[in-house]
Amino acid sequence: MPFDWADAGSRLLKAEIAREGVTLAKLALRLQALGVDETEASLKNKLYRGTFGVPFFMQCMAALDAESVNVASVIAEDVPRGADLDHAVAGQDKAGSPSRA
């Protein structure tokens, strides 16, 4: 089963919200103060689906006053990382297609 990146992103944001001890209603108000049009209900939906991009994540981190996050805490140990990924792409050309001999 492939790793669920959307779920990992959602878990990471949920962990930061919990660590700050902020309710979704309070986070929505803080985001609104940043000019982000969110409600408690829209936050619940985004967190449930994991459907949000990096700009929204960064806005949430600013609203939570988070300076850093532990990405490794939500990525499964069996997911290859860093230089381990070099081996996975060694047989592909620059366009990402398998190279032909």
N, C-alpha and C. Protein backbone atom coordinates (compact mmCIF):
# COMPACT_ATOMS: atom_id res chain seq x y z
N MET A 1 0.85 -1.17 0.00
CA MET A 1 0.00 0.00 0.00
C MET A 1 0.90 1.24 0.00
N PRO A 2 0.69 2.15 -0.95
CA PRO A 2 1.53 3.34 -1.00
C PRO A 2 1.30 4.26 0.21
N PHE A 3 2.32 5.00 0.53
CA PHE A 3 2.24 5.92 1.66
C PHE A 3 1.23 7.02 1.36
N ASP A 4 0.41 7.37 2.32
CA ASP A 4 -0.63 8.39 2.15
C ASP A 4 -0.10 9.76 2.61
N TRP A 5 0.41 10.52 1.65
CA TRP A 5 1.02 11.82 1.96
C TRP A 5 -0.01 12.82 2.47
N ALA A 6 -1.22 12.78 1.93
CA ALA A 6 -2.27 13.70 2.39
C ALA A 6 -2.60 13.44 3.86
N ASP A 7 -2.68 12.17 4.22
CA ASP A 7 -2.96 11.82 5.62
C ASP A 7 -1.81 12.28 6.52
N ALA A 8 -0.59 12.11 6.06
CA ALA A 8 0.57 12.53 6.86
C ALA A 8 0.56 14.05 7.08
N GLY A 9 0.25 14.80 6.04
CA GLY A 9 0.16 16.25 6.18
C GLY A 9 -0.92 16.65 7.15
N SER A 10 -2.05 15.97 7.07
CA SER A 10 -3.15 16.25 7.98
C SER A 10 -2.77 15.94 9.42
N ARG A 11 -2.11 14.79 9.63
CA ARG A 11 -1.69 14.42 10.99
C ARG A 11 -0.67 15.41 11.54
N LEU A 12 0.21 15.90 10.67
CA LEU A 12 1.22 16.87 11.11
C LEU A 12 0.55 18.17 11.57
N LEU A 13 -0.40 18.66 10.78
CA LEU A 13 -1.09 19.89 11.16
C LEU A 13 -1.92 19.68 12.42
N LYS A 14 -2.60 18.54 12.52
CA LYS A 14 -3.39 18.25 13.72
C LYS A 14 -2.49 18.21 14.96
N ALA A 15 -1.31 17.63 14.83
CA ALA A 15 -0.38 17.56 15.96
C ALA A 15 0.06 18.94 16.40
N GLU A 16 0.30 19.83 15.45
CA GLU A 16 0.71 21.19 15.79
C GLU A 16 -0.43 21.96 16.46
N ILE A 17 -1.65 21.74 15.99
CA ILE A 17 -2.82 22.37 16.60
C ILE A 17 -2.98 21.90 18.04
N ALA A 18 -2.85 20.59 18.24
CA ALA A 18 -2.97 20.02 19.58
C ALA A 18 -1.84 20.52 20.50
N ARG A 19 -0.63 20.58 19.97
CA ARG A 19 0.51 21.01 20.78
C ARG A 19 0.32 22.46 21.25
N GLU A 20 -0.27 23.27 20.39
CA GLU A 20 -0.51 24.67 20.75
C GLU A 20 -1.72 24.80 21.68
N GLY A 21 -2.58 23.76 21.70
CA GLY A 21 -3.76 23.80 22.55
C GLY A 21 -4.82 24.76 22.05
N VAL A 22 -4.91 24.90 20.74
CA VAL A 22 -5.85 25.83 20.11
C VAL A 22 -7.01 25.04 19.51
N THR A 23 -8.21 25.54 19.70
CA THR A 23 -9.38 24.90 19.06
C THR A 23 -9.41 25.29 17.59
N LEU A 24 -10.16 24.52 16.81
CA LEU A 24 -10.30 24.87 15.40
C LEU A 24 -11.02 26.20 15.24
N ALA A 25 -11.95 26.49 16.13
CA ALA A 25 -12.64 27.78 16.08
C ALA A 25 -11.65 28.92 16.29
N LYS A 26 -10.75 28.76 17.25
CA LYS A 26 -9.74 29.79 17.53
C LYS A 26 -8.76 29.91 16.36
N LEU A 27 -8.36 28.77 15.80
CA LEU A 27 -7.45 28.80 14.65
C LEU A 27 -8.11 29.52 13.48
N ALA A 28 -9.39 29.27 13.25
CA ALA A 28 -10.12 29.94 12.17
C ALA A 28 -10.09 31.45 12.38
N LEU A 29 -10.29 31.90 13.61
CA LEU A 29 -10.25 33.34 13.91
C LEU A 29 -8.85 33.91 13.66
N ARG A 30 -7.83 33.17 14.05
CA ARG A 30 -6.46 33.63 13.83
C ARG A 30 -6.16 33.72 12.34
N LEU A 31 -6.62 32.71 11.58
CA LEU A 31 -6.41 32.73 10.13
C LEU A 31 -7.14 33.90 9.49
N GLN A 32 -8.35 34.16 9.96
CA GLN A 32 -9.11 35.31 9.44
C GLN A 32 -8.35 36.60 9.69
N ALA A 33 -7.69 36.71 10.84
CA ALA A 33 -6.89 37.89 11.15
C ALA A 33 -5.71 38.03 10.18
N LEU A 34 -5.27 36.91 9.60
CA LEU A 34 -4.21 36.92 8.59
C LEU A 34 -4.76 37.17 7.18
N GLY A 35 -6.10 37.27 7.08
CA GLY A 35 -6.72 37.47 5.78
C GLY A 35 -7.09 36.19 5.07
N VAL A 36 -7.09 35.06 5.79
CA VAL A 36 -7.43 33.76 5.22
C VAL A 36 -8.87 33.46 5.57
N ASP A 37 -9.71 33.27 4.57
CA ASP A 37 -11.14 33.06 4.78
C ASP A 37 -11.42 31.60 5.14
N GLU A 38 -11.38 31.28 6.42
CA GLU A 38 -11.63 29.93 6.91
C GLU A 38 -12.62 29.98 8.06
N THR A 39 -13.36 28.90 8.20
CA THR A 39 -14.27 28.72 9.33
C THR A 39 -13.88 27.44 10.05
N GLU A 40 -14.45 27.23 11.22
CA GLU A 40 -14.20 25.98 11.92
C GLU A 40 -14.58 24.79 11.05
N ALA A 41 -15.74 24.88 10.39
CA ALA A 41 -16.21 23.78 9.53
C ALA A 41 -15.27 23.54 8.36
N SER A 42 -14.78 24.60 7.73
CA SER A 42 -13.88 24.41 6.58
C SER A 42 -12.54 23.82 7.03
N LEU A 43 -12.09 24.19 8.23
CA LEU A 43 -10.86 23.59 8.77
C LEU A 43 -11.05 22.11 9.03
N LYS A 44 -12.19 21.75 9.62
CA LYS A 44 -12.47 20.32 9.87
C LYS A 44 -12.43 19.54 8.58
N ASN A 45 -13.05 20.08 7.52
CA ASN A 45 -13.06 19.39 6.23
C ASN A 45 -11.66 19.24 5.66
N LYS A 46 -10.87 20.30 5.70
CA LYS A 46 -9.52 20.22 5.17
C LYS A 46 -8.68 19.21 5.95
N LEU A 47 -8.81 19.20 7.26
CA LEU A 47 -8.04 18.26 8.07
C LEU A 47 -8.50 16.83 7.85
N TYR A 48 -9.80 16.62 7.68
CA TYR A 48 -10.33 15.28 7.45
C TYR A 48 -9.85 14.73 6.11
N ARG A 49 -9.92 15.57 5.08
CA ARG A 49 -9.55 15.13 3.73
C ARG A 49 -8.04 15.21 3.48
N GLY A 50 -7.35 16.06 4.23
CA GLY A 50 -5.93 16.27 3.96
C GLY A 50 -5.73 17.08 2.69
N THR A 51 -6.73 17.86 2.33
CA THR A 51 -6.68 18.60 1.07
C THR A 51 -6.30 20.06 1.31
N PHE A 52 -5.02 20.27 1.48
CA PHE A 52 -4.53 21.63 1.62
C PHE A 52 -3.11 21.68 1.10
N GLY A 53 -2.72 22.85 0.64
CA GLY A 53 -1.39 23.03 0.07
C GLY A 53 -0.42 23.64 1.06
N VAL A 54 0.78 23.81 0.60
CA VAL A 54 1.84 24.37 1.44
C VAL A 54 1.52 25.79 1.89
N PRO A 55 1.00 26.67 1.03
CA PRO A 55 0.69 28.02 1.52
C PRO A 55 -0.28 28.00 2.71
N PHE A 56 -1.33 27.18 2.63
CA PHE A 56 -2.27 27.08 3.75
C PHE A 56 -1.58 26.53 4.99
N PHE A 57 -0.75 25.52 4.81
CA PHE A 57 -0.01 24.95 5.94
C PHE A 57 0.85 26.02 6.61
N MET A 58 1.52 26.82 5.81
CA MET A 58 2.38 27.88 6.35
C MET A 58 1.55 28.94 7.07
N GLN A 59 0.38 29.25 6.53
CA GLN A 59 -0.51 30.20 7.20
C GLN A 59 -0.92 29.66 8.57
N CYS A 60 -1.23 28.39 8.62
CA CYS A 60 -1.59 27.77 9.90
C CYS A 60 -0.42 27.81 10.87
N MET A 61 0.79 27.53 10.37
CA MET A 61 1.96 27.56 11.24
C MET A 61 2.17 28.97 11.80
N ALA A 62 1.94 29.99 10.98
CA ALA A 62 2.05 31.37 11.46
C ALA A 62 0.98 31.65 12.51
N ALA A 63 -0.24 31.19 12.26
CA ALA A 63 -1.35 31.41 13.20
C ALA A 63 -1.11 30.68 14.51
N LEU A 64 -0.37 29.57 14.45
CA LEU A 64 -0.05 28.79 15.65
C LEU A 64 1.27 29.24 16.29
N ASP A 65 1.97 30.16 15.63
CA ASP A 65 3.28 30.62 16.08
C ASP A 65 4.28 29.48 16.18
N ALA A 66 4.19 28.54 15.23
CA ALA A 66 5.11 27.40 15.19
C ALA A 66 6.33 27.78 14.35
N GLU A 67 7.49 27.60 14.92
CA GLU A 67 8.72 27.94 14.21
C GLU A 67 9.28 26.75 13.43
N SER A 68 8.96 25.55 13.87
CA SER A 68 9.44 24.37 13.17
C SER A 68 8.48 23.21 13.45
N VAL A 69 8.52 22.22 12.57
CA VAL A 69 7.69 21.03 12.75
C VAL A 69 8.55 19.79 12.54
N ASN A 70 8.14 18.69 13.14
CA ASN A 70 8.86 17.44 13.02
C ASN A 70 8.20 16.57 11.95
N VAL A 71 8.60 16.78 10.72
CA VAL A 71 8.03 16.05 9.59
C VAL A 71 8.23 14.54 9.75
N ALA A 72 9.38 14.14 10.25
CA ALA A 72 9.69 12.73 10.41
C ALA A 72 8.69 12.02 11.31
N SER A 73 8.04 12.76 12.18
CA SER A 73 7.11 12.14 13.12
C SER A 73 5.87 11.56 12.45
N VAL A 74 5.58 11.96 11.22
CA VAL A 74 4.38 11.46 10.55
C VAL A 74 4.69 10.66 9.28
N ILE A 75 5.97 10.47 8.98
CA ILE A 75 6.35 9.68 7.80
C ILE A 75 6.77 8.29 8.27
N ALA A 76 6.16 7.27 7.69
CA ALA A 76 6.44 5.89 8.07
C ALA A 76 7.93 5.59 7.91
N GLU A 77 8.44 4.75 8.78
CA GLU A 77 9.86 4.42 8.75
C GLU A 77 10.29 3.71 7.47
N ASP A 78 9.36 3.01 6.82
CA ASP A 78 9.71 2.27 5.62
C ASP A 78 9.70 3.13 4.34
N VAL A 79 9.37 4.40 4.47
CA VAL A 79 9.40 5.30 3.32
C VAL A 79 10.85 5.73 3.09
N PRO A 80 11.39 5.46 1.89
CA PRO A 80 12.78 5.84 1.64
C PRO A 80 12.94 7.36 1.68
N ARG A 81 14.12 7.80 2.11
CA ARG A 81 14.39 9.23 2.26
C ARG A 81 15.79 9.55 1.76
N GLY A 82 15.98 10.82 1.45
CA GLY A 82 17.31 11.33 1.12
C GLY A 82 18.03 10.52 0.07
N ALA A 83 19.28 10.19 0.35
CA ALA A 83 20.14 9.49 -0.60
C ALA A 83 19.59 8.11 -0.97
N ASP A 84 18.75 7.53 -0.12
CA ASP A 84 18.15 6.24 -0.47
C ASP A 84 17.30 6.35 -1.73
N LEU A 85 16.79 7.52 -2.00
CA LEU A 85 15.97 7.73 -3.19
C LEU A 85 16.80 7.80 -4.46
N ASP A 86 18.10 8.08 -4.34
CA ASP A 86 18.96 8.14 -5.52
C ASP A 86 18.97 6.81 -6.25
N HIS A 87 18.89 5.72 -5.50
CA HIS A 87 18.89 4.39 -6.11
C HIS A 87 17.60 4.15 -6.87
N ALA A 88 16.51 4.73 -6.42
CA ALA A 88 15.21 4.52 -7.07
C ALA A 88 15.15 5.21 -8.43
N VAL A 89 15.90 6.30 -8.61
CA VAL A 89 15.85 7.03 -9.86
C VAL A 89 17.08 6.79 -10.74
N ALA A 90 17.98 5.95 -10.32
CA ALA A 90 19.22 5.72 -11.07
C ALA A 90 18.96 5.19 -12.48
N GLY A 91 17.86 4.46 -12.66
CA GLY A 91 17.57 3.89 -13.98
C GLY A 91 16.66 4.76 -14.82
N GLN A 92 16.47 6.00 -14.46
CA GLN A 92 15.61 6.90 -15.22
C GLN A 92 16.42 8.01 -15.84
N ASP A 93 15.95 8.49 -17.00
CA ASP A 93 16.62 9.63 -17.62
C ASP A 93 16.16 10.92 -16.94
N LYS A 94 16.64 12.04 -17.38
CA LYS A 94 16.34 13.32 -16.75
C LYS A 94 14.86 13.67 -16.79
N ALA A 95 14.11 13.15 -17.77
CA ALA A 95 12.68 13.45 -17.87
C ALA A 95 11.85 12.55 -16.97
N GLY A 96 12.49 11.59 -16.31
CA GLY A 96 11.77 10.71 -15.41
C GLY A 96 11.29 9.43 -16.06
N SER A 97 11.66 9.23 -17.34
CA SER A 97 11.25 8.01 -18.02
C SER A 97 12.35 6.98 -17.89
N PRO A 98 11.97 5.68 -17.91
CA PRO A 98 13.01 4.65 -17.85
C PRO A 98 13.97 4.81 -19.02
N SER A 99 15.26 4.71 -18.75
CA SER A 99 16.25 4.87 -19.82
C SER A 99 16.27 3.62 -20.69
N ARG A 100 16.59 3.81 -21.96
CA ARG A 100 16.63 2.69 -22.90
C ARG A 100 18.07 2.46 -23.32
N ALA A 101 18.45 1.22 -23.30
CA ALA A 101 19.83 0.88 -23.66
C ALA A 101 19.94 0.53 -25.10
